[in-house]
Amino acid sequence: LKKPVVPPKVRKFRKREKSISLLSGDCLLNTIKAIGAFWLISAISLILYHTYLYNPTYPYTNSSNLVKARNPHIPLPPPEHKASVVLMNYSRPRMIRESTLVPTLLHHPNVEEVIILHSNPKTAFKFVHPKVVNIDATKENERMGLSLRFYFCQLARNDWVIHVDDDMEFTEQTLNEMLSEFAKNTKRIVGRFGRDRKENSSFKGYYPRNTHRDTEVVLTKFMVMERDTCSAFFEYSHLIWEDTVLDNGVGPLWNGEDIFMSLVANHVYGNGRFNNYAMDWLDVRDAPNELKDYSNGKLDISGGFEGIRFWSYSWWRVLLNRNRHYTYRGILWKEATDRLATSGPFRPGL
């Protein structure tokens, strides 16, 4: 049988079709590769963005470091004023028993009283020392959560009250310096870790970088304030209690209490948005992780996020928890700022 003769135009058409088919296949493959590369780069960028840019535990160069290098701090004697300390014990009792925090506080000449709030019956213990007041705050914790510290702050013996987290460590000289700065103006909150809100931040305005000097918010990780200001917290807490804290809260009850306390202090003292003071050069460090009875930040309020381990499921869980925590803090910050702005002046005793 003779093979059918394919007209030249048909051969040309089929050849062109074949070329187009091959070209289309190559284009599709290249497109898939490009999309894959795009998502891979995006994922890596996202990881680096959220672990470096938004992780305040990483070292970085800023103006405060330059100021510290140019102006080394001269050791200061502590002021004569006595202070009380409020310290919460919930999930890390070994931090209080075995770290250097409590010995430093008890040895300091300005510290007349250390109030330990035992808010979890599973971790409660009695710290025996003449300066230590042990309080069973289990029932109050169920109703107040993290605002517990400000409730018992009102019962402190002294009108200067130091708030510190149980996983912090510092020297006696560091505490001297913070108290000396606070003595210059007690109508504010002074501490190591400051925060300012940034409207365009990824976390609804919450920006987790340490601030330098004048600041809007000071975290309760390590700070000092007047006892009477603690009462103002409860004077205004109704502004965000139901719809923000109860209905949409993330983490333990009254998470973000330090933000609200600082905003209330700004409102009470009436000295502007950046009335508080952050001493980001102070030598304050985390206590050893081995003093925690858990790992991967399981019981840490902010997730205990650190390092880059994107191959680990627990790392991703901690990252997502931390981002939810930051976002909620940003929402609370905005709501509290707006509502305090329309509130009346603080009237103690009414």
C-alpha atoms as a PDB file:
ATOM      1  CA  LEU A   1       0.000   0.000   0.000  1.00  0.00           C
ATOM      2  CA  LYS A   2       1.188   3.422  -0.823  1.00  0.00           C
ATOM      3  CA  LYS A   3       1.520   5.815   2.018  1.00  0.00           C
ATOM      4  CA  PRO A   4      -0.818   8.728   1.689  1.00  0.00           C
ATOM      5  CA  VAL A   5       0.902  11.850   0.533  1.00  0.00           C
ATOM      6  CA  VAL A   6       0.730  14.533   3.146  1.00  0.00           C
ATOM      7  CA  PRO A   7       0.431  17.926   1.563  1.00  0.00           C
ATOM      8  CA  PRO A   8       3.246  20.319   2.459  1.00  0.00           C
ATOM      9  CA  LYS A   9       0.860  22.728   4.177  1.00  0.00           C
ATOM     10  CA  VAL A  10      -0.404  19.954   6.462  1.00  0.00           C
ATOM     11  CA  ARG A  11       3.135  18.881   7.348  1.00  0.00           C
ATOM     12  CA  LYS A  12       3.985  22.464   8.120  1.00  0.00           C
ATOM     13  CA  PHE A  13       0.864  22.818  10.291  1.00  0.00           C
ATOM     14  CA  ARG A  14       1.611  19.630  12.247  1.00  0.00           C
ATOM     15  CA  LYS A  15       5.216  20.629  12.750  1.00  0.00           C
ATOM     16  CA  ARG A  16       4.131  23.999  14.073  1.00  0.00           C
ATOM     17  CA  GLU A  17       1.551  22.316  16.342  1.00  0.00           C
ATOM     18  CA  LYS A  18       4.205  19.989  17.735  1.00  0.00           C
ATOM     19  CA  SER A  19       6.496  22.911  18.396  1.00  0.00           C
ATOM     20  CA  ILE A  20       3.701  24.802  20.111  1.00  0.00           C
ATOM     21  CA  SER A  21       2.881  21.719  22.205  1.00  0.00           C
ATOM     22  CA  LEU A  22       6.499  21.354  23.317  1.00  0.00           C
ATOM     23  CA  LEU A  23       6.730  25.047  23.962  1.00  0.00           C
ATOM     24  CA  SER A  24       3.511  24.963  25.993  1.00  0.00           C
ATOM     25  CA  GLY A  25       4.837  22.057  28.045  1.00  0.00           C
ATOM     26  CA  ASP A  26       8.071  23.930  28.728  1.00  0.00           C
ATOM     27  CA  CYS A  27       6.126  27.058  29.639  1.00  0.00           C
ATOM     28  CA  LEU A  28       3.907  25.106  32.021  1.00  0.00           C
ATOM     29  CA  LEU A  29       6.918  23.455  33.661  1.00  0.00           C
ATOM     30  CA  ASN A  30       8.727  26.787  33.979  1.00  0.00           C
ATOM     31  CA  THR A  31       5.597  28.381  35.390  1.00  0.00           C
ATOM     32  CA  ILE A  32       5.283  25.653  38.021  1.00  0.00           C
ATOM     33  CA  LYS A  33       8.955  26.089  38.892  1.00  0.00           C
ATOM     34  CA  ALA A  34       8.546  29.866  39.150  1.00  0.00           C
ATOM     35  CA  ILE A  35       5.500  29.538  41.387  1.00  0.00           C
ATOM     36  CA  GLY A  36       7.302  26.998  43.568  1.00  0.00           C
ATOM     37  CA  ALA A  37      10.356  29.256  43.834  1.00  0.00           C
ATOM     38  CA  PHE A  38       8.132  32.214  44.670  1.00  0.00           C
ATOM     39  CA  TRP A  39       6.394  30.387  47.518  1.00  0.00           C
ATOM     40  CA  LEU A  40       9.671  28.996  48.828  1.00  0.00           C
ATOM     41  CA  ILE A  41      11.241  32.470  48.898  1.00  0.00           C
ATOM     42  CA  SER A  42       8.071  33.891  50.472  1.00  0.00           C
ATOM     43  CA  ALA A  43       8.095  31.214  53.188  1.00  0.00           C
ATOM     44  CA  ILE A  44      11.766  31.817  53.980  1.00  0.00           C
ATOM     45  CA  SER A  45      11.189  35.596  54.021  1.00  0.00           C
ATOM     46  CA  LEU A  46       8.199  35.175  56.335  1.00  0.00           C
ATOM     47  CA  ILE A  47      10.216  33.031  58.731  1.00  0.00           C
ATOM     48  CA  LEU A  48      13.104  35.498  58.818  1.00  0.00           C
ATOM     49  CA  TYR A  49      10.701  38.439  59.138  1.00  0.00           C
ATOM     50  CA  HIS A  50       8.883  36.995  62.133  1.00  0.00           C
ATOM     51  CA  THR A  51      11.943  35.525  63.831  1.00  0.00           C
ATOM     52  CA  TYR A  52      14.389  38.388  63.395  1.00  0.00           C
ATOM     53  CA  LEU A  53      12.544  41.665  62.805  1.00  0.00           C
ATOM     54  CA  TYR A  54       9.785  40.934  65.334  1.00  0.00           C
ATOM     55  CA  ASN A  55      11.837  39.029  67.869  1.00  0.00           C
ATOM     56  CA  PRO A  56      13.171  41.366  70.557  1.00  0.00           C
ATOM     57  CA  THR A  57      15.525  38.681  71.900  1.00  0.00           C
ATOM     58  CA  TYR A  58      17.872  39.021  68.925  1.00  0.00           C
ATOM     59  CA  PRO A  59      20.748  41.485  69.301  1.00  0.00           C
ATOM     60  CA  TYR A  60      20.709  44.459  66.976  1.00  0.00           C
ATOM     61  CA  THR A  61      22.298  47.873  66.734  1.00  0.00           C
ATOM     62  CA  ASN A  62      20.191  50.875  67.618  1.00  0.00           C
ATOM     63  CA  SER A  63      20.586  54.370  68.954  1.00  0.00           C
ATOM     64  CA  SER A  64      20.363  53.249  72.581  1.00  0.00           C
ATOM     65  CA  ASN A  65      23.401  51.003  72.126  1.00  0.00           C
ATOM     66  CA  LEU A  66      25.315  53.961  70.693  1.00  0.00           C
ATOM     67  CA  VAL A  67      24.254  56.187  73.571  1.00  0.00           C
ATOM     68  CA  LYS A  68      25.369  53.531  76.026  1.00  0.00           C
ATOM     69  CA  ALA A  69      28.769  53.254  74.310  1.00  0.00           C
ATOM     70  CA  ARG A  70      29.334  57.029  74.394  1.00  0.00           C
ATOM     71  CA  ASN A  71      28.037  57.537  77.928  1.00  0.00           C
ATOM     72  CA  PRO A  72      28.971  54.670  80.255  1.00  0.00           C
ATOM     73  CA  HIS A  73      26.752  54.731  83.338  1.00  0.00           C
ATOM     74  CA  ILE A  74      28.325  55.751  86.615  1.00  0.00           C
ATOM     75  CA  PRO A  75      27.305  53.512  89.556  1.00  0.00           C
ATOM     76  CA  LEU A  76      24.683  55.278  91.645  1.00  0.00           C
ATOM     77  CA  PRO A  77      23.804  54.836  95.308  1.00  0.00           C
ATOM     78  CA  PRO A  78      20.164  53.881  95.873  1.00  0.00           C
ATOM     79  CA  PRO A  79      17.712  56.529  97.082  1.00  0.00           C
ATOM     80  CA  GLU A  80      16.619  56.319 100.708  1.00  0.00           C
ATOM     81  CA  HIS A  81      13.001  55.510  99.849  1.00  0.00           C
ATOM     82  CA  LYS A  82      11.848  51.984 100.709  1.00  0.00           C
ATOM     83  CA  ALA A  83      10.003  49.773  98.232  1.00  0.00           C
ATOM     84  CA  SER A  84       7.850  46.657  98.138  1.00  0.00           C
ATOM     85  CA  VAL A  85       8.107  43.951  95.470  1.00  0.00           C
ATOM     86  CA  VAL A  86       5.210  42.044  93.928  1.00  0.00           C
ATOM     87  CA  LEU A  87       6.211  38.687  92.443  1.00  0.00           C
ATOM     88  CA  MET A  88       3.803  36.135  90.951  1.00  0.00           C
ATOM     89  CA  ASN A  89       4.300  32.374  91.223  1.00  0.00           C
ATOM     90  CA  TYR A  90       2.221  30.337  88.789  1.00  0.00           C
ATOM     91  CA  SER A  91       4.156  27.821  86.668  1.00  0.00           C
ATOM     92  CA  ARG A  92       7.860  28.326  87.498  1.00  0.00           C
ATOM     93  CA  PRO A  93       8.430  27.883  91.246  1.00  0.00           C
ATOM     94  CA  ARG A  94      12.053  26.848  90.746  1.00  0.00           C
ATOM     95  CA  MET A  95      12.787  30.285  89.300  1.00  0.00           C
ATOM     96  CA  ILE A  96      11.839  31.806  92.642  1.00  0.00           C
ATOM     97  CA  ARG A  97      13.586  29.144  94.713  1.00  0.00           C
ATOM     98  CA  GLU A  98      16.826  28.706  92.768  1.00  0.00           C
ATOM     99  CA  SER A  99      17.587  31.724  90.542  1.00  0.00           C
ATOM    100  CA  THR A 100      19.450  34.813  91.752  1.00  0.00           C
ATOM    101  CA  LEU A 101      16.318  36.994  91.569  1.00  0.00           C
ATOM    102  CA  VAL A 102      14.939  36.662  95.103  1.00  0.00           C
ATOM    103  CA  PRO A 103      18.355  36.728  96.860  1.00  0.00           C
ATOM    104  CA  THR A 104      19.167  39.961  94.981  1.00  0.00           C
ATOM    105  CA  LEU A 105      15.879  41.509  96.074  1.00  0.00           C
ATOM    106  CA  LEU A 106      16.173  40.390  99.689  1.00  0.00           C
ATOM    107  CA  HIS A 107      19.725  41.668  99.980  1.00  0.00           C
ATOM    108  CA  HIS A 108      18.929  45.094  98.530  1.00  0.00           C
ATOM    109  CA  PRO A 109      18.715  47.850 101.201  1.00  0.00           C
ATOM    110  CA  ASN A 110      15.699  49.535  99.561  1.00  0.00           C
ATOM    111  CA  VAL A 111      13.570  46.390  99.423  1.00  0.00           C
ATOM    112  CA  GLU A 112      11.615  46.158 102.657  1.00  0.00           C
ATOM    113  CA  GLU A 113       9.020  43.618 101.545  1.00  0.00           C
ATOM    114  CA  VAL A 114       8.667  40.885  98.891  1.00  0.00           C
ATOM    115  CA  ILE A 115       5.083  39.783  98.280  1.00  0.00           C
ATOM    116  CA  ILE A 116       4.882  36.387  96.553  1.00  0.00           C
ATOM    117  CA  LEU A 117       1.477  35.666  95.046  1.00  0.00           C
ATOM    118  CA  HIS A 118       0.960  31.904  94.802  1.00  0.00           C
ATOM    119  CA  SER A 119      -1.807  31.739  92.193  1.00  0.00           C
ATOM    120  CA  ASN A 120      -1.563  28.037  91.317  1.00  0.00           C
ATOM    121  CA  PRO A 121      -2.180  25.394  94.043  1.00  0.00           C
ATOM    122  CA  LYS A 122       0.031  22.903  92.155  1.00  0.00           C
ATOM    123  CA  THR A 123       3.121  25.109  92.425  1.00  0.00           C
ATOM    124  CA  ALA A 124       2.451  26.892  95.733  1.00  0.00           C
ATOM    125  CA  PHE A 125       5.099  26.724  98.455  1.00  0.00           C
ATOM    126  CA  LYS A 126       6.162  28.789 101.433  1.00  0.00           C
ATOM    127  CA  PHE A 127       9.258  30.941 101.070  1.00  0.00           C
ATOM    128  CA  VAL A 128      10.539  31.489 104.595  1.00  0.00           C
ATOM    129  CA  HIS A 129      12.243  34.845 105.140  1.00  0.00           C
ATOM    130  CA  PRO A 130      11.479  37.856 107.378  1.00  0.00           C
ATOM    131  CA  LYS A 131      10.998  40.120 104.337  1.00  0.00           C
ATOM    132  CA  VAL A 132       8.773  37.692 102.416  1.00  0.00           C
ATOM    133  CA  VAL A 133       4.968  37.712 102.568  1.00  0.00           C
ATOM    134  CA  ASN A 134       3.432  34.556 101.079  1.00  0.00           C
ATOM    135  CA  ILE A 135      -0.146  34.974  99.842  1.00  0.00           C
ATOM    136  CA  ASP A 136      -2.484  32.268  98.622  1.00  0.00           C
ATOM    137  CA  ALA A 137      -4.001  34.040  95.611  1.00  0.00           C
ATOM    138  CA  THR A 138      -5.642  31.031  93.958  1.00  0.00           C
ATOM    139  CA  LYS A 139      -9.217  32.255  94.278  1.00  0.00           C
ATOM    140  CA  GLU A 140      -8.357  35.794  93.237  1.00  0.00           C
ATOM    141  CA  ASN A 141      -6.483  34.448  90.213  1.00  0.00           C
ATOM    142  CA  GLU A 142      -9.644  32.766  88.930  1.00  0.00           C
ATOM    143  CA  ARG A 143     -11.405  36.127  88.831  1.00  0.00           C
ATOM    144  CA  MET A 144      -8.547  38.491  88.000  1.00  0.00           C
ATOM    145  CA  GLY A 145      -5.890  36.577  86.099  1.00  0.00           C
ATOM    146  CA  LEU A 146      -2.751  38.626  85.478  1.00  0.00           C
ATOM    147  CA  SER A 147      -4.297  41.792  86.938  1.00  0.00           C
ATOM    148  CA  LEU A 148      -3.777  40.030  90.268  1.00  0.00           C
ATOM    149  CA  ARG A 149      -0.454  41.830  90.650  1.00  0.00           C
ATOM    150  CA  PHE A 150      -2.157  45.235  90.677  1.00  0.00           C
ATOM    151  CA  TYR A 151      -4.853  44.128  93.126  1.00  0.00           C
ATOM    152  CA  PHE A 152      -2.315  43.042  95.739  1.00  0.00           C
ATOM    153  CA  CYS A 153      -0.061  45.972  94.864  1.00  0.00           C
ATOM    154  CA  GLN A 154      -2.665  48.118  96.663  1.00  0.00           C
ATOM    155  CA  LEU A 155      -1.915  46.214  99.890  1.00  0.00           C
ATOM    156  CA  ALA A 156       1.845  46.763  99.762  1.00  0.00           C
ATOM    157  CA  ARG A 157       3.475  48.291 102.820  1.00  0.00           C
ATOM    158  CA  ASN A 158       5.417  50.900 100.839  1.00  0.00           C
ATOM    159  CA  ASP A 159       4.230  53.473  98.303  1.00  0.00           C
ATOM    160  CA  TRP A 160       6.921  52.454  95.773  1.00  0.00           C
ATOM    161  CA  VAL A 161       6.154  49.058  94.274  1.00  0.00           C
ATOM    162  CA  ILE A 162       8.493  47.017  92.071  1.00  0.00           C
ATOM    163  CA  HIS A 163       6.912  44.513  89.678  1.00  0.00           C
ATOM    164  CA  VAL A 164       9.161  41.797  88.280  1.00  0.00           C
ATOM    165  CA  ASP A 165       8.625  38.520  86.435  1.00  0.00           C
ATOM    166  CA  ASP A 166       9.947  35.376  88.093  1.00  0.00           C
ATOM    167  CA  ASP A 167      12.299  34.578  85.162  1.00  0.00           C
ATOM    168  CA  MET A 168      14.339  37.799  85.356  1.00  0.00           C
ATOM    169  CA  GLU A 169      17.803  38.232  86.861  1.00  0.00           C
ATOM    170  CA  PHE A 170      19.772  41.428  87.500  1.00  0.00           C
ATOM    171  CA  THR A 171      22.354  42.920  89.824  1.00  0.00           C
ATOM    172  CA  GLU A 172      21.886  45.112  92.855  1.00  0.00           C
ATOM    173  CA  GLN A 173      23.397  48.004  90.904  1.00  0.00           C
ATOM    174  CA  THR A 174      20.779  47.604  88.171  1.00  0.00           C
ATOM    175  CA  LEU A 175      18.005  48.001  90.738  1.00  0.00           C
ATOM    176  CA  ASN A 176      19.833  51.023  92.212  1.00  0.00           C
ATOM    177  CA  GLU A 177      19.838  52.699  88.834  1.00  0.00           C
ATOM    178  CA  MET A 178      16.151  52.082  88.153  1.00  0.00           C
ATOM    179  CA  LEU A 179      15.094  53.370  91.593  1.00  0.00           C
ATOM    180  CA  SER A 180      17.314  56.442  91.261  1.00  0.00           C
ATOM    181  CA  GLU A 181      15.715  57.306  87.934  1.00  0.00           C
ATOM    182  CA  PHE A 182      12.221  56.765  89.347  1.00  0.00           C
ATOM    183  CA  ALA A 183      13.016  59.080  92.287  1.00  0.00           C
ATOM    184  CA  LYS A 184      13.453  61.985  89.827  1.00  0.00           C
ATOM    185  CA  ASN A 185       9.762  61.784  88.925  1.00  0.00           C
ATOM    186  CA  THR A 186       7.432  59.264  90.547  1.00  0.00           C
ATOM    187  CA  LYS A 187       4.400  60.318  88.484  1.00  0.00           C
ATOM    188  CA  ARG A 188       5.185  57.738  85.806  1.00  0.00           C
ATOM    189  CA  ILE A 189       6.194  54.092  85.387  1.00  0.00           C
ATOM    190  CA  VAL A 190       9.905  53.345  84.969  1.00  0.00           C
ATOM    191  CA  GLY A 191      11.345  50.025  83.813  1.00  0.00           C
ATOM    192  CA  ARG A 192      13.700  48.105  81.562  1.00  0.00           C
ATOM    193  CA  PHE A 193      11.372  47.028  78.748  1.00  0.00           C
ATOM    194  CA  GLY A 194       9.440  49.729  76.906  1.00  0.00           C
ATOM    195  CA  ARG A 195       7.036  49.520  73.967  1.00  0.00           C
ATOM    196  CA  ASP A 196       5.561  52.079  71.564  1.00  0.00           C
ATOM    197  CA  ARG A 197       2.615  51.396  69.284  1.00  0.00           C
ATOM    198  CA  LYS A 198       3.168  51.537  65.513  1.00  0.00           C
ATOM    199  CA  GLU A 199       0.029  51.786  63.432  1.00  0.00           C
ATOM    200  CA  ASN A 200       1.430  49.851  60.460  1.00  0.00           C
ATOM    201  CA  SER A 201       2.857  46.986  62.495  1.00  0.00           C
ATOM    202  CA  SER A 202       1.893  43.451  61.451  1.00  0.00           C
ATOM    203  CA  PHE A 203       0.321  42.830  64.859  1.00  0.00           C
ATOM    204  CA  LYS A 204      -2.465  45.438  64.861  1.00  0.00           C
ATOM    205  CA  GLY A 205      -0.061  48.114  66.046  1.00  0.00           C
ATOM    206  CA  TYR A 206       1.889  46.087  68.599  1.00  0.00           C
ATOM    207  CA  TYR A 207       5.621  46.427  67.934  1.00  0.00           C
ATOM    208  CA  PRO A 208       7.767  44.157  70.132  1.00  0.00           C
ATOM    209  CA  ARG A 209      10.984  46.159  70.085  1.00  0.00           C
ATOM    210  CA  ASN A 210      12.483  47.735  73.189  1.00  0.00           C
ATOM    211  CA  THR A 211      12.173  51.512  73.301  1.00  0.00           C
ATOM    212  CA  HIS A 212      14.650  54.045  74.626  1.00  0.00           C
ATOM    213  CA  ARG A 213      13.836  56.594  77.344  1.00  0.00           C
ATOM    214  CA  ASP A 214      10.414  58.314  76.933  1.00  0.00           C
ATOM    215  CA  THR A 215       7.877  55.623  76.038  1.00  0.00           C
ATOM    216  CA  GLU A 216       4.169  54.876  76.022  1.00  0.00           C
ATOM    217  CA  VAL A 217       4.214  51.474  77.729  1.00  0.00           C
ATOM    218  CA  VAL A 218       6.525  49.722  80.197  1.00  0.00           C
ATOM    219  CA  LEU A 219       6.255  45.956  80.624  1.00  0.00           C
ATOM    220  CA  THR A 220       5.846  44.352  84.039  1.00  0.00           C
ATOM    221  CA  LYS A 221       8.912  42.179  83.387  1.00  0.00           C
ATOM    222  CA  PHE A 222      10.875  44.694  85.489  1.00  0.00           C
ATOM    223  CA  MET A 223       9.437  48.056  86.519  1.00  0.00           C
ATOM    224  CA  VAL A 224       8.602  50.367  89.436  1.00  0.00           C
ATOM    225  CA  MET A 225       5.524  52.503  90.046  1.00  0.00           C
ATOM    226  CA  GLU A 226       3.502  54.207  92.775  1.00  0.00           C
ATOM    227  CA  ARG A 227       1.163  52.041  94.828  1.00  0.00           C
ATOM    228  CA  ASP A 228      -1.812  54.374  94.330  1.00  0.00           C
ATOM    229  CA  THR A 229      -1.617  53.998  90.546  1.00  0.00           C
ATOM    230  CA  CYS A 230      -2.512  50.326  90.943  1.00  0.00           C
ATOM    231  CA  SER A 231      -5.936  51.389  92.199  1.00  0.00           C
ATOM    232  CA  ALA A 232      -6.463  53.382  89.002  1.00  0.00           C
ATOM    233  CA  PHE A 233      -6.156  50.148  87.014  1.00  0.00           C
ATOM    234  CA  PHE A 234      -9.445  48.918  88.476  1.00  0.00           C
ATOM    235  CA  GLU A 235     -11.056  52.341  88.197  1.00  0.00           C
ATOM    236  CA  TYR A 236     -10.823  52.064  84.397  1.00  0.00           C
ATOM    237  CA  SER A 237     -10.739  48.292  83.818  1.00  0.00           C
ATOM    238  CA  HIS A 238     -14.448  48.244  82.922  1.00  0.00           C
ATOM    239  CA  LEU A 239     -13.618  50.084  79.680  1.00  0.00           C
ATOM    240  CA  ILE A 240     -12.207  46.945  78.042  1.00  0.00           C
ATOM    241  CA  TRP A 241     -13.195  44.174  80.458  1.00  0.00           C
ATOM    242  CA  GLU A 242     -16.164  42.590  78.739  1.00  0.00           C
ATOM    243  CA  ASP A 243     -15.760  42.870  74.954  1.00  0.00           C
ATOM    244  CA  THR A 244     -11.945  42.935  74.757  1.00  0.00           C
ATOM    245  CA  VAL A 245     -10.606  40.928  77.693  1.00  0.00           C
ATOM    246  CA  LEU A 246     -13.408  38.414  78.275  1.00  0.00           C
ATOM    247  CA  ASP A 247     -14.877  37.937  74.785  1.00  0.00           C
ATOM    248  CA  ASN A 248     -11.733  38.201  72.655  1.00  0.00           C
ATOM    249  CA  GLY A 249      -8.851  37.650  75.064  1.00  0.00           C
ATOM    250  CA  VAL A 250      -5.896  35.447  74.067  1.00  0.00           C
ATOM    251  CA  GLY A 251      -3.857  33.554  76.651  1.00  0.00           C
ATOM    252  CA  PRO A 252      -4.427  33.868  80.399  1.00  0.00           C
ATOM    253  CA  LEU A 253      -7.128  36.148  81.753  1.00  0.00           C
ATOM    254  CA  TRP A 254      -6.158  39.826  81.563  1.00  0.00           C
ATOM    255  CA  ASN A 255      -3.250  39.220  79.199  1.00  0.00           C
ATOM    256  CA  GLY A 256      -2.020  42.713  78.278  1.00  0.00           C
ATOM    257  CA  GLU A 257      -2.438  44.027  81.802  1.00  0.00           C
ATOM    258  CA  ASP A 258       0.923  45.806  81.602  1.00  0.00           C
ATOM    259  CA  ILE A 259      -0.149  47.714  78.476  1.00  0.00           C
ATOM    260  CA  PHE A 260      -3.388  48.798  80.115  1.00  0.00           C
ATOM    261  CA  MET A 261      -1.627  49.792  83.339  1.00  0.00           C
ATOM    262  CA  SER A 262       0.828  52.028  81.475  1.00  0.00           C
ATOM    263  CA  LEU A 263      -1.946  53.649  79.434  1.00  0.00           C
ATOM    264  CA  VAL A 264      -3.925  54.278  82.617  1.00  0.00           C
ATOM    265  CA  ALA A 265      -0.826  55.827  84.227  1.00  0.00           C
ATOM    266  CA  ASN A 266      -0.488  58.184  81.261  1.00  0.00           C
ATOM    267  CA  HIS A 267      -4.154  59.116  81.669  1.00  0.00           C
ATOM    268  CA  VAL A 268      -3.973  59.573  85.446  1.00  0.00           C
ATOM    269  CA  TYR A 269      -0.825  61.672  85.466  1.00  0.00           C
ATOM    270  CA  GLY A 270      -1.980  63.609  82.402  1.00  0.00           C
ATOM    271  CA  ASN A 271       1.506  64.229  81.063  1.00  0.00           C
ATOM    272  CA  GLY A 272       1.038  63.013  77.509  1.00  0.00           C
ATOM    273  CA  ARG A 273       1.284  59.778  75.610  1.00  0.00           C
ATOM    274  CA  PHE A 274       4.998  59.158  76.253  1.00  0.00           C
ATOM    275  CA  ASN A 275       5.055  59.874  79.967  1.00  0.00           C
ATOM    276  CA  ASN A 276       6.662  56.572  81.051  1.00  0.00           C
ATOM    277  CA  TYR A 277      10.370  55.800  80.876  1.00  0.00           C
ATOM    278  CA  ALA A 278      12.251  52.798  79.445  1.00  0.00           C
ATOM    279  CA  MET A 279      15.835  52.125  80.521  1.00  0.00           C
ATOM    280  CA  ASP A 280      16.798  49.688  77.786  1.00  0.00           C
ATOM    281  CA  TRP A 281      20.475  49.802  78.745  1.00  0.00           C
ATOM    282  CA  LEU A 282      19.921  48.154  82.141  1.00  0.00           C
ATOM    283  CA  ASP A 283      21.592  44.784  82.594  1.00  0.00           C
ATOM    284  CA  VAL A 284      18.550  42.514  82.949  1.00  0.00           C
ATOM    285  CA  ARG A 285      18.697  38.953  81.659  1.00  0.00           C
ATOM    286  CA  ASP A 286      16.618  35.796  81.478  1.00  0.00           C
ATOM    287  CA  ALA A 287      17.133  33.222  84.208  1.00  0.00           C
ATOM    288  CA  PRO A 288      18.403  29.799  83.044  1.00  0.00           C
ATOM    289  CA  ASN A 289      15.830  27.834  81.054  1.00  0.00           C
ATOM    290  CA  GLU A 290      16.626  24.671  82.982  1.00  0.00           C
ATOM    291  CA  LEU A 291      14.800  26.192  85.959  1.00  0.00           C
ATOM    292  CA  LYS A 292      11.545  25.797  84.036  1.00  0.00           C
ATOM    293  CA  ASP A 293       9.739  22.494  84.493  1.00  0.00           C
ATOM    294  CA  TYR A 294       8.620  22.488  80.854  1.00  0.00           C
ATOM    295  CA  SER A 295      10.139  22.991  77.388  1.00  0.00           C
ATOM    296  CA  ASN A 296       9.435  24.821  74.107  1.00  0.00           C
ATOM    297  CA  GLY A 297       7.778  27.707  75.937  1.00  0.00           C
ATOM    298  CA  LYS A 298       4.712  25.569  76.582  1.00  0.00           C
ATOM    299  CA  LEU A 299       3.528  27.613  79.584  1.00  0.00           C
ATOM    300  CA  ASP A 300       5.093  30.973  78.683  1.00  0.00           C
ATOM    301  CA  ILE A 301       2.524  33.694  78.040  1.00  0.00           C
ATOM    302  CA  SER A 302       4.207  34.928  74.866  1.00  0.00           C
ATOM    303  CA  GLY A 303       5.067  31.404  73.720  1.00  0.00           C
ATOM    304  CA  GLY A 304       8.735  31.332  74.708  1.00  0.00           C
ATOM    305  CA  PHE A 305       9.636  31.785  71.048  1.00  0.00           C
ATOM    306  CA  GLU A 306      13.320  31.724  70.094  1.00  0.00           C
ATOM    307  CA  GLY A 307      15.638  30.611  67.274  1.00  0.00           C
ATOM    308  CA  ILE A 308      14.749  29.176  63.860  1.00  0.00           C
ATOM    309  CA  ARG A 309      13.623  25.542  63.748  1.00  0.00           C
ATOM    310  CA  PHE A 310      11.107  25.483  60.889  1.00  0.00           C
ATOM    311  CA  TRP A 311      11.366  21.684  60.657  1.00  0.00           C
ATOM    312  CA  SER A 312       9.845  21.367  64.143  1.00  0.00           C
ATOM    313  CA  TYR A 313       6.087  21.223  64.702  1.00  0.00           C
ATOM    314  CA  SER A 314       6.440  22.680  68.228  1.00  0.00           C
ATOM    315  CA  TRP A 315       8.397  25.630  66.788  1.00  0.00           C
ATOM    316  CA  TRP A 316       5.533  26.470  64.406  1.00  0.00           C
ATOM    317  CA  ARG A 317       3.025  26.107  67.241  1.00  0.00           C
ATOM    318  CA  VAL A 318       4.998  28.499  69.410  1.00  0.00           C
ATOM    319  CA  LEU A 319       5.399  30.958  66.509  1.00  0.00           C
ATOM    320  CA  LEU A 320       1.649  31.009  65.819  1.00  0.00           C
ATOM    321  CA  ASN A 321       0.836  31.366  69.528  1.00  0.00           C
ATOM    322  CA  ARG A 322       3.254  34.257  69.830  1.00  0.00           C
ATOM    323  CA  ASN A 323       1.770  36.017  66.790  1.00  0.00           C
ATOM    324  CA  ARG A 324      -1.766  35.594  68.204  1.00  0.00           C
ATOM    325  CA  HIS A 325      -0.502  36.964  71.512  1.00  0.00           C
ATOM    326  CA  TYR A 326       1.073  40.014  69.838  1.00  0.00           C
ATOM    327  CA  THR A 327      -1.997  40.689  67.683  1.00  0.00           C
ATOM    328  CA  TYR A 328      -4.313  40.593  70.679  1.00  0.00           C
ATOM    329  CA  ARG A 329      -2.044  43.000  72.562  1.00  0.00           C
ATOM    330  CA  GLY A 330      -2.227  45.367  69.599  1.00  0.00           C
ATOM    331  CA  ILE A 331      -6.043  45.226  69.601  1.00  0.00           C
ATOM    332  CA  LEU A 332      -6.225  45.798  73.366  1.00  0.00           C
ATOM    333  CA  TRP A 333      -3.784  48.716  73.089  1.00  0.00           C
ATOM    334  CA  LYS A 334      -5.882  50.486  70.434  1.00  0.00           C
ATOM    335  CA  GLU A 335      -9.202  49.923  72.225  1.00  0.00           C
ATOM    336  CA  ALA A 336      -7.802  51.061  75.580  1.00  0.00           C
ATOM    337  CA  THR A 337      -6.213  54.187  74.091  1.00  0.00           C
ATOM    338  CA  ASP A 338      -9.422  55.253  72.347  1.00  0.00           C
ATOM    339  CA  ARG A 339     -11.655  54.625  75.360  1.00  0.00           C
ATOM    340  CA  LEU A 340      -9.356  56.230  77.927  1.00  0.00           C
ATOM    341  CA  ALA A 341      -9.226  59.331  75.728  1.00  0.00           C
ATOM    342  CA  THR A 342     -12.962  59.832  76.273  1.00  0.00           C
ATOM    343  CA  SER A 343     -12.901  59.016  80.003  1.00  0.00           C
ATOM    344  CA  GLY A 344     -12.968  61.490  82.836  1.00  0.00           C
ATOM    345  CA  PRO A 345     -10.080  62.270  85.196  1.00  0.00           C
ATOM    346  CA  PHE A 346      -9.080  59.796  87.886  1.00  0.00           C
ATOM    347  CA  ARG A 347     -10.853  60.457  91.200  1.00  0.00           C
ATOM    348  CA  PRO A 348      -9.422  58.203  93.916  1.00  0.00           C
ATOM    349  CA  GLY A 349     -11.814  57.149  96.632  1.00  0.00           C
ATOM    350  CA  LEU A 350     -14.966  57.783  94.598  1.00  0.00           C
END
